[in-house]
Amino acid sequence: MITLNIFLVLVIYQCALSDGSKLNLSTEPCDVSDIECISKATQVFLDNTYQGIPEYNIKKLDPITIPSLEKSIEKINLNVRYNNLKVTGFKNQKISHFTLVRDTKAVNFKTKVNFTAEGELVIELPKSSKIYTGEVTIEASAEGGAAYSYSVKTDDKGVEHYEAGPETISCEIFGEPTLSVSSTLEDALKLDSDFKKIFTEYGKQLTEGRKQTACRIVETVYAVSVHNIRAAARILPKSAYFKNV
């Protein structure tokens, strides 16, 4: 599972871009129990960085393109691949839970997001050597989270920075993701007796597979979020994060 080092998201709480070329502190640090303050500062960071800042090695987050996601289910003679998924919505992800225990240096963090992914869907039936392709749109609501420990490191200039330990990641999909395909692909699948048999016998598994795909999208995009958070964390000192840690 793709790692999600949310601890370094602390940096997003108190930083914003003033002119596109510098990272400046925009507000006073939040109290670790002030979720409203943390949420507002998080949105400020996302608003100012989602398009990417190359000079700070901050990558574009929204929209983001996932080149390929694949899933093979040999038991039911089905291979599924999503190509060039353009994902939007992550610039508006919201903090849903945050705790930091100073005695044990433990953090638990979650965000909620509504996202859309658009691209190409390739469905292959290996036994009958059939391949179908068409446009696909996926819409889902999700919550991603991480639990981890942290430490404090001092750089070569004597400035303290937070550093996170290994993470335990979670991803939950709310409700059923919506998957829509182009009319040409839909019509072709309706006429294929092999696919109709698969859908009739394994419809529940295919529906569950949508949730798995949605979580893989969440995990993939969060990996970019983590990269951006790490990039920003190299700039800002420990003192920028919280006023009572």
C-alpha atoms as a PDB file:
ATOM      1  CA  MET A   1       0.000   0.000   0.000  1.00  0.00           C
ATOM      2  CA  ILE A   2       1.340   3.406  -0.872  1.00  0.00           C
ATOM      3  CA  THR A   3       2.706   5.188   2.166  1.00  0.00           C
ATOM      4  CA  LEU A   4       0.977   8.264   3.485  1.00  0.00           C
ATOM      5  CA  ASN A   5       3.257  10.169   5.859  1.00  0.00           C
ATOM      6  CA  ILE A   6       0.616  12.520   7.159  1.00  0.00           C
ATOM      7  CA  PHE A   7       2.723  13.679  10.076  1.00  0.00           C
ATOM      8  CA  LEU A   8       4.611  16.007   7.802  1.00  0.00           C
ATOM      9  CA  VAL A   9       1.293  17.546   6.910  1.00  0.00           C
ATOM     10  CA  LEU A  10       1.844  19.597  10.042  1.00  0.00           C
ATOM     11  CA  VAL A  11       3.752  21.937   7.802  1.00  0.00           C
ATOM     12  CA  ILE A  12       0.612  22.781   5.900  1.00  0.00           C
ATOM     13  CA  TYR A  13      -1.033  24.236   8.940  1.00  0.00           C
ATOM     14  CA  GLN A  14       0.874  27.475   9.025  1.00  0.00           C
ATOM     15  CA  CYS A  15       2.372  28.132   5.609  1.00  0.00           C
ATOM     16  CA  ALA A  16       1.214  29.791   2.416  1.00  0.00           C
ATOM     17  CA  LEU A  17       2.747  31.134  -0.746  1.00  0.00           C
ATOM     18  CA  SER A  18       2.824  34.911  -0.944  1.00  0.00           C
ATOM     19  CA  ASP A  19       4.231  35.501  -4.417  1.00  0.00           C
ATOM     20  CA  GLY A  20       4.662  32.058  -5.982  1.00  0.00           C
ATOM     21  CA  SER A  21       8.410  32.091  -5.353  1.00  0.00           C
ATOM     22  CA  LYS A  22       8.656  32.018  -1.544  1.00  0.00           C
ATOM     23  CA  LEU A  23       7.101  30.053   1.266  1.00  0.00           C
ATOM     24  CA  ASN A  24       6.101  32.429   4.048  1.00  0.00           C
ATOM     25  CA  LEU A  25       4.320  31.871   7.350  1.00  0.00           C
ATOM     26  CA  SER A  26       0.832  33.340   7.135  1.00  0.00           C
ATOM     27  CA  THR A  27      -0.586  32.972  10.662  1.00  0.00           C
ATOM     28  CA  GLU A  28       0.363  32.119  14.213  1.00  0.00           C
ATOM     29  CA  PRO A  29       0.826  28.387  14.944  1.00  0.00           C
ATOM     30  CA  CYS A  30      -2.309  26.468  15.954  1.00  0.00           C
ATOM     31  CA  ASP A  31      -3.000  24.698  19.211  1.00  0.00           C
ATOM     32  CA  VAL A  32      -2.934  20.930  18.565  1.00  0.00           C
ATOM     33  CA  SER A  33      -6.520  20.670  19.820  1.00  0.00           C
ATOM     34  CA  ASP A  34      -7.846  23.526  17.655  1.00  0.00           C
ATOM     35  CA  ILE A  35      -9.207  21.580  14.691  1.00  0.00           C
ATOM     36  CA  GLU A  36     -10.829  24.689  13.205  1.00  0.00           C
ATOM     37  CA  CYS A  37      -7.500  26.529  13.090  1.00  0.00           C
ATOM     38  CA  ILE A  38      -5.772  23.483  11.640  1.00  0.00           C
ATOM     39  CA  SER A  39      -8.477  23.035   8.992  1.00  0.00           C
ATOM     40  CA  LYS A  40      -8.294  26.660   7.843  1.00  0.00           C
ATOM     41  CA  ALA A  41      -4.513  26.632   7.595  1.00  0.00           C
ATOM     42  CA  THR A  42      -4.621  23.338   5.695  1.00  0.00           C
ATOM     43  CA  GLN A  43      -6.926  24.846   3.077  1.00  0.00           C
ATOM     44  CA  VAL A  44      -4.643  27.876   2.723  1.00  0.00           C
ATOM     45  CA  PHE A  45      -1.739  25.580   1.940  1.00  0.00           C
ATOM     46  CA  LEU A  46      -3.721  23.531  -0.584  1.00  0.00           C
ATOM     47  CA  ASP A  47      -5.095  26.648  -2.286  1.00  0.00           C
ATOM     48  CA  ASN A  48      -1.579  27.954  -2.821  1.00  0.00           C
ATOM     49  CA  THR A  49       0.257  24.758  -3.763  1.00  0.00           C
ATOM     50  CA  TYR A  50      -2.112  22.450  -5.668  1.00  0.00           C
ATOM     51  CA  GLN A  51      -0.817  23.709  -9.031  1.00  0.00           C
ATOM     52  CA  GLY A  52       2.761  22.861  -8.067  1.00  0.00           C
ATOM     53  CA  ILE A  53       5.832  24.980  -7.232  1.00  0.00           C
ATOM     54  CA  PRO A  54       8.805  23.589  -9.199  1.00  0.00           C
ATOM     55  CA  GLU A  55      11.405  25.741  -7.422  1.00  0.00           C
ATOM     56  CA  TYR A  56      10.458  24.069  -4.140  1.00  0.00           C
ATOM     57  CA  ASN A  57      10.042  20.603  -5.658  1.00  0.00           C
ATOM     58  CA  ILE A  58       6.311  20.766  -4.946  1.00  0.00           C
ATOM     59  CA  LYS A  59       4.420  18.724  -7.523  1.00  0.00           C
ATOM     60  CA  LYS A  60       1.050  19.439  -9.104  1.00  0.00           C
ATOM     61  CA  LEU A  61      -1.695  17.851  -7.006  1.00  0.00           C
ATOM     62  CA  ASP A  62      -4.960  18.821  -8.694  1.00  0.00           C
ATOM     63  CA  PRO A  63      -5.556  17.786 -11.364  1.00  0.00           C
ATOM     64  CA  ILE A  64      -3.134  14.877 -11.277  1.00  0.00           C
ATOM     65  CA  THR A  65      -2.804  12.098 -13.867  1.00  0.00           C
ATOM     66  CA  ILE A  66      -2.306   8.459 -12.878  1.00  0.00           C
ATOM     67  CA  PRO A  67      -0.731   6.657 -15.868  1.00  0.00           C
ATOM     68  CA  SER A  68      -2.132   3.210 -15.122  1.00  0.00           C
ATOM     69  CA  LEU A  69      -3.996   1.113 -12.557  1.00  0.00           C
ATOM     70  CA  GLU A  70      -4.431  -2.606 -13.196  1.00  0.00           C
ATOM     71  CA  LYS A  71      -6.352  -5.458 -11.616  1.00  0.00           C
ATOM     72  CA  SER A  72      -6.404  -9.075 -12.787  1.00  0.00           C
ATOM     73  CA  ILE A  73      -8.976 -11.563 -11.501  1.00  0.00           C
ATOM     74  CA  GLU A  74      -7.964 -14.964 -12.879  1.00  0.00           C
ATOM     75  CA  LYS A  75     -10.808 -16.749 -11.107  1.00  0.00           C
ATOM     76  CA  ILE A  76     -13.396 -14.965 -13.203  1.00  0.00           C
ATOM     77  CA  ASN A  77     -11.363 -14.532 -16.408  1.00  0.00           C
ATOM     78  CA  LEU A  78     -11.165 -10.756 -16.217  1.00  0.00           C
ATOM     79  CA  ASN A  79      -8.404  -8.163 -16.480  1.00  0.00           C
ATOM     80  CA  VAL A  80      -9.184  -4.503 -15.864  1.00  0.00           C
ATOM     81  CA  ARG A  81      -6.883  -1.576 -16.565  1.00  0.00           C
ATOM     82  CA  TYR A  82      -7.407   2.162 -16.176  1.00  0.00           C
ATOM     83  CA  ASN A  83      -5.182   4.386 -18.305  1.00  0.00           C
ATOM     84  CA  ASN A  84      -4.334   8.074 -17.880  1.00  0.00           C
ATOM     85  CA  LEU A  85      -6.789   8.784 -15.089  1.00  0.00           C
ATOM     86  CA  LYS A  86      -7.149  12.530 -14.576  1.00  0.00           C
ATOM     87  CA  VAL A  87      -8.047  12.985 -10.910  1.00  0.00           C
ATOM     88  CA  THR A  88      -9.602  16.157  -9.494  1.00  0.00           C
ATOM     89  CA  GLY A  89     -10.915  17.165  -6.085  1.00  0.00           C
ATOM     90  CA  PHE A  90      -7.915  16.727  -3.807  1.00  0.00           C
ATOM     91  CA  LYS A  91      -7.249  20.432  -3.460  1.00  0.00           C
ATOM     92  CA  ASN A  92     -10.448  20.490  -1.390  1.00  0.00           C
ATOM     93  CA  GLN A  93      -9.697  17.596   0.963  1.00  0.00           C
ATOM     94  CA  LYS A  94     -10.683  18.388   4.568  1.00  0.00           C
ATOM     95  CA  ILE A  95      -9.264  17.375   7.927  1.00  0.00           C
ATOM     96  CA  SER A  96     -11.695  15.025   9.684  1.00  0.00           C
ATOM     97  CA  HIS A  97      -9.566  13.865  12.616  1.00  0.00           C
ATOM     98  CA  PHE A  98      -6.299  14.886  14.255  1.00  0.00           C
ATOM     99  CA  THR A  99      -4.602  13.877  17.503  1.00  0.00           C
ATOM    100  CA  LEU A 100      -1.041  14.379  18.716  1.00  0.00           C
ATOM    101  CA  VAL A 101       0.104  12.772  21.982  1.00  0.00           C
ATOM    102  CA  ARG A 102       3.225  14.565  23.154  1.00  0.00           C
ATOM    103  CA  ASP A 103       4.264  11.997  25.776  1.00  0.00           C
ATOM    104  CA  THR A 104       4.466   9.161  23.250  1.00  0.00           C
ATOM    105  CA  LYS A 105       5.106  11.357  20.189  1.00  0.00           C
ATOM    106  CA  ALA A 106       2.222   9.655  18.401  1.00  0.00           C
ATOM    107  CA  VAL A 107       0.035  11.194  15.708  1.00  0.00           C
ATOM    108  CA  ASN A 108      -3.240  10.091  14.131  1.00  0.00           C
ATOM    109  CA  PHE A 109      -4.571  12.058  11.185  1.00  0.00           C
ATOM    110  CA  LYS A 110      -7.419  11.698   8.657  1.00  0.00           C
ATOM    111  CA  THR A 111      -8.792  13.698   5.734  1.00  0.00           C
ATOM    112  CA  LYS A 112     -12.001  13.388   3.729  1.00  0.00           C
ATOM    113  CA  VAL A 113     -12.236  14.013   0.004  1.00  0.00           C
ATOM    114  CA  ASN A 114     -14.763  13.862  -2.834  1.00  0.00           C
ATOM    115  CA  PHE A 115     -12.977  13.166  -6.096  1.00  0.00           C
ATOM    116  CA  THR A 116     -13.525  12.433  -9.772  1.00  0.00           C
ATOM    117  CA  ALA A 117     -11.264  10.375 -12.041  1.00  0.00           C
ATOM    118  CA  GLU A 118     -11.629  10.349 -15.827  1.00  0.00           C
ATOM    119  CA  GLY A 119      -9.670   8.281 -18.331  1.00  0.00           C
ATOM    120  CA  GLU A 120      -9.659   5.106 -20.422  1.00  0.00           C
ATOM    121  CA  LEU A 121     -10.981   1.742 -19.257  1.00  0.00           C
ATOM    122  CA  VAL A 122      -9.654  -1.464 -20.828  1.00  0.00           C
ATOM    123  CA  ILE A 123     -11.517  -4.713 -20.108  1.00  0.00           C
ATOM    124  CA  GLU A 124      -9.915  -7.968 -21.215  1.00  0.00           C
ATOM    125  CA  LEU A 125     -11.418 -11.457 -21.226  1.00  0.00           C
ATOM    126  CA  PRO A 126      -8.253 -13.598 -21.635  1.00  0.00           C
ATOM    127  CA  LYS A 127      -9.902 -16.963 -22.276  1.00  0.00           C
ATOM    128  CA  SER A 128     -11.880 -15.636 -25.211  1.00  0.00           C
ATOM    129  CA  SER A 129      -9.167 -13.172 -26.327  1.00  0.00           C
ATOM    130  CA  LYS A 130     -11.581 -10.240 -26.184  1.00  0.00           C
ATOM    131  CA  ILE A 131     -10.596  -6.662 -25.369  1.00  0.00           C
ATOM    132  CA  TYR A 132     -12.955  -3.726 -24.935  1.00  0.00           C
ATOM    133  CA  THR A 133     -11.973  -0.097 -24.422  1.00  0.00           C
ATOM    134  CA  GLY A 134     -13.817   3.128 -23.738  1.00  0.00           C
ATOM    135  CA  GLU A 135     -13.963   6.263 -21.652  1.00  0.00           C
ATOM    136  CA  VAL A 136     -14.662   5.950 -17.926  1.00  0.00           C
ATOM    137  CA  THR A 137     -15.558   8.327 -15.096  1.00  0.00           C
ATOM    138  CA  ILE A 138     -15.232   7.362 -11.435  1.00  0.00           C
ATOM    139  CA  GLU A 139     -16.712   9.447  -8.616  1.00  0.00           C
ATOM    140  CA  ALA A 140     -16.211   8.600  -4.954  1.00  0.00           C
ATOM    141  CA  SER A 141     -16.093   9.933  -1.407  1.00  0.00           C
ATOM    142  CA  ALA A 142     -13.236   8.708   0.757  1.00  0.00           C
ATOM    143  CA  GLU A 143     -11.286   9.160   3.960  1.00  0.00           C
ATOM    144  CA  GLY A 144      -7.573   8.493   4.135  1.00  0.00           C
ATOM    145  CA  GLY A 145      -5.576   8.380   7.339  1.00  0.00           C
ATOM    146  CA  ALA A 146      -2.307   7.510   9.010  1.00  0.00           C
ATOM    147  CA  ALA A 147      -0.973   6.692  12.476  1.00  0.00           C
ATOM    148  CA  TYR A 148       2.735   7.233  13.155  1.00  0.00           C
ATOM    149  CA  SER A 149       5.373   8.478  15.560  1.00  0.00           C
ATOM    150  CA  TYR A 150       7.613  11.517  15.147  1.00  0.00           C
ATOM    151  CA  SER A 151      10.998  12.868  16.201  1.00  0.00           C
ATOM    152  CA  VAL A 152      12.807  16.195  15.967  1.00  0.00           C
ATOM    153  CA  LYS A 153      15.976  16.652  13.893  1.00  0.00           C
ATOM    154  CA  THR A 154      18.346  19.612  13.735  1.00  0.00           C
ATOM    155  CA  ASP A 155      19.715  20.681  10.347  1.00  0.00           C
ATOM    156  CA  ASP A 156      23.232  21.922   9.604  1.00  0.00           C
ATOM    157  CA  LYS A 157      22.151  25.484  10.407  1.00  0.00           C
ATOM    158  CA  GLY A 158      20.928  24.561  13.865  1.00  0.00           C
ATOM    159  CA  VAL A 159      17.226  24.742  12.939  1.00  0.00           C
ATOM    160  CA  GLU A 160      14.895  22.068  14.316  1.00  0.00           C
ATOM    161  CA  HIS A 161      12.521  20.203  11.985  1.00  0.00           C
ATOM    162  CA  TYR A 162       9.962  17.468  12.533  1.00  0.00           C
ATOM    163  CA  GLU A 163      10.661  14.027  11.089  1.00  0.00           C
ATOM    164  CA  ALA A 164       8.122  11.200  10.934  1.00  0.00           C
ATOM    165  CA  GLY A 165       8.503   7.501  11.584  1.00  0.00           C
ATOM    166  CA  PRO A 166       6.863   4.654   9.621  1.00  0.00           C
ATOM    167  CA  GLU A 167       3.134   5.009   9.036  1.00  0.00           C
ATOM    168  CA  THR A 168       0.135   2.717   9.296  1.00  0.00           C
ATOM    169  CA  ILE A 169      -2.260   3.738   6.523  1.00  0.00           C
ATOM    170  CA  SER A 170      -6.041   3.539   6.256  1.00  0.00           C
ATOM    171  CA  CYS A 171      -8.452   4.209   3.404  1.00  0.00           C
ATOM    172  CA  GLU A 172     -12.226   4.066   3.665  1.00  0.00           C
ATOM    173  CA  ILE A 173     -14.718   4.606   0.853  1.00  0.00           C
ATOM    174  CA  PHE A 174     -18.111   6.020   1.815  1.00  0.00           C
ATOM    175  CA  GLY A 175     -21.043   4.536  -0.057  1.00  0.00           C
ATOM    176  CA  GLU A 176     -20.643   3.001  -3.493  1.00  0.00           C
ATOM    177  CA  PRO A 177     -18.328   4.686  -5.999  1.00  0.00           C
ATOM    178  CA  THR A 178     -20.041   5.706  -9.223  1.00  0.00           C
ATOM    179  CA  LEU A 179     -18.507   4.250 -12.388  1.00  0.00           C
ATOM    180  CA  SER A 180     -19.813   5.476 -15.745  1.00  0.00           C
ATOM    181  CA  VAL A 181     -18.532   4.287 -19.118  1.00  0.00           C
ATOM    182  CA  SER A 182     -19.011   5.551 -22.643  1.00  0.00           C
ATOM    183  CA  SER A 183     -22.111   4.384 -24.484  1.00  0.00           C
ATOM    184  CA  THR A 184     -20.056   2.444 -27.036  1.00  0.00           C
ATOM    185  CA  LEU A 185     -18.292   0.452 -24.332  1.00  0.00           C
ATOM    186  CA  GLU A 186     -21.514  -0.116 -22.418  1.00  0.00           C
ATOM    187  CA  ASP A 187     -23.305  -1.378 -25.534  1.00  0.00           C
ATOM    188  CA  ALA A 188     -20.436  -3.711 -26.442  1.00  0.00           C
ATOM    189  CA  LEU A 189     -20.359  -5.281 -22.977  1.00  0.00           C
ATOM    190  CA  LYS A 190     -24.138  -5.757 -22.953  1.00  0.00           C
ATOM    191  CA  LEU A 191     -23.855  -7.804 -26.146  1.00  0.00           C
ATOM    192  CA  ASP A 192     -20.998  -9.995 -24.900  1.00  0.00           C
ATOM    193  CA  SER A 193     -22.366 -13.250 -23.465  1.00  0.00           C
ATOM    194  CA  ASP A 194     -19.117 -14.037 -21.620  1.00  0.00           C
ATOM    195  CA  PHE A 195     -19.105 -10.697 -19.832  1.00  0.00           C
ATOM    196  CA  LYS A 196     -22.810 -10.945 -18.995  1.00  0.00           C
ATOM    197  CA  LYS A 197     -22.161 -14.326 -17.383  1.00  0.00           C
ATOM    198  CA  ILE A 198     -19.281 -12.898 -15.339  1.00  0.00           C
ATOM    199  CA  PHE A 199     -21.390  -9.962 -14.200  1.00  0.00           C
ATOM    200  CA  THR A 200     -24.305 -12.218 -13.255  1.00  0.00           C
ATOM    201  CA  GLU A 201     -22.161 -14.615 -11.223  1.00  0.00           C
ATOM    202  CA  TYR A 202     -19.649 -12.172  -9.742  1.00  0.00           C
ATOM    203  CA  GLY A 203     -21.459  -8.851  -9.670  1.00  0.00           C
ATOM    204  CA  LYS A 204     -20.817  -8.420  -5.931  1.00  0.00           C
ATOM    205  CA  GLN A 205     -17.067  -8.907  -6.368  1.00  0.00           C
ATOM    206  CA  LEU A 206     -16.999  -6.459  -9.265  1.00  0.00           C
ATOM    207  CA  THR A 207     -18.805  -3.857  -7.176  1.00  0.00           C
ATOM    208  CA  GLU A 208     -16.337  -4.363  -4.330  1.00  0.00           C
ATOM    209  CA  GLY A 209     -13.558  -3.975  -6.875  1.00  0.00           C
ATOM    210  CA  ARG A 210     -14.743  -0.422  -7.486  1.00  0.00           C
ATOM    211  CA  LYS A 211     -14.019   0.424  -3.861  1.00  0.00           C
ATOM    212  CA  GLN A 212     -10.570  -1.108  -4.143  1.00  0.00           C
ATOM    213  CA  THR A 213      -9.863   0.949  -7.248  1.00  0.00           C
ATOM    214  CA  ALA A 214     -11.104   4.108  -5.540  1.00  0.00           C
ATOM    215  CA  CYS A 215      -8.776   3.463  -2.598  1.00  0.00           C
ATOM    216  CA  ARG A 216      -5.839   2.921  -4.933  1.00  0.00           C
ATOM    217  CA  ILE A 217      -6.570   6.293  -6.486  1.00  0.00           C
ATOM    218  CA  VAL A 218      -6.676   7.908  -3.043  1.00  0.00           C
ATOM    219  CA  GLU A 219      -3.392   6.266  -2.044  1.00  0.00           C
ATOM    220  CA  THR A 220      -1.673   7.269  -5.272  1.00  0.00           C
ATOM    221  CA  VAL A 221      -2.662  10.916  -4.997  1.00  0.00           C
ATOM    222  CA  TYR A 222      -1.815  11.011  -1.297  1.00  0.00           C
ATOM    223  CA  ALA A 223       1.700   9.867  -2.205  1.00  0.00           C
ATOM    224  CA  VAL A 224       2.071  13.121  -4.144  1.00  0.00           C
ATOM    225  CA  SER A 225       0.596  15.037  -1.215  1.00  0.00           C
ATOM    226  CA  VAL A 226       3.235  13.501   1.033  1.00  0.00           C
ATOM    227  CA  HIS A 227       5.983  14.430  -1.412  1.00  0.00           C
ATOM    228  CA  ASN A 228       4.781  18.033  -1.366  1.00  0.00           C
ATOM    229  CA  ILE A 229       4.505  18.100   2.413  1.00  0.00           C
ATOM    230  CA  ARG A 230       8.024  16.751   2.763  1.00  0.00           C
ATOM    231  CA  ALA A 231       9.313  19.344   0.308  1.00  0.00           C
ATOM    232  CA  ALA A 232       7.720  22.164   2.300  1.00  0.00           C
ATOM    233  CA  ALA A 233       8.846  20.681   5.623  1.00  0.00           C
ATOM    234  CA  ARG A 234      12.470  21.029   4.561  1.00  0.00           C
ATOM    235  CA  ILE A 235      11.957  24.791   4.502  1.00  0.00           C
ATOM    236  CA  LEU A 236       9.883  25.529   7.595  1.00  0.00           C
ATOM    237  CA  PRO A 237      11.171  25.106  11.167  1.00  0.00           C
ATOM    238  CA  LYS A 238       9.564  23.076  13.951  1.00  0.00           C
ATOM    239  CA  SER A 239       8.423  26.285  15.633  1.00  0.00           C
ATOM    240  CA  ALA A 240       6.063  27.057  12.730  1.00  0.00           C
ATOM    241  CA  TYR A 241       3.747  24.129  13.377  1.00  0.00           C
ATOM    242  CA  PHE A 242       2.174  24.291  16.816  1.00  0.00           C
ATOM    243  CA  LYS A 243       2.447  26.684  19.712  1.00  0.00           C
ATOM    244  CA  ASN A 244       2.196  24.074  22.453  1.00  0.00           C
ATOM    245  CA  VAL A 245       4.401  21.192  21.261  1.00  0.00           C
END
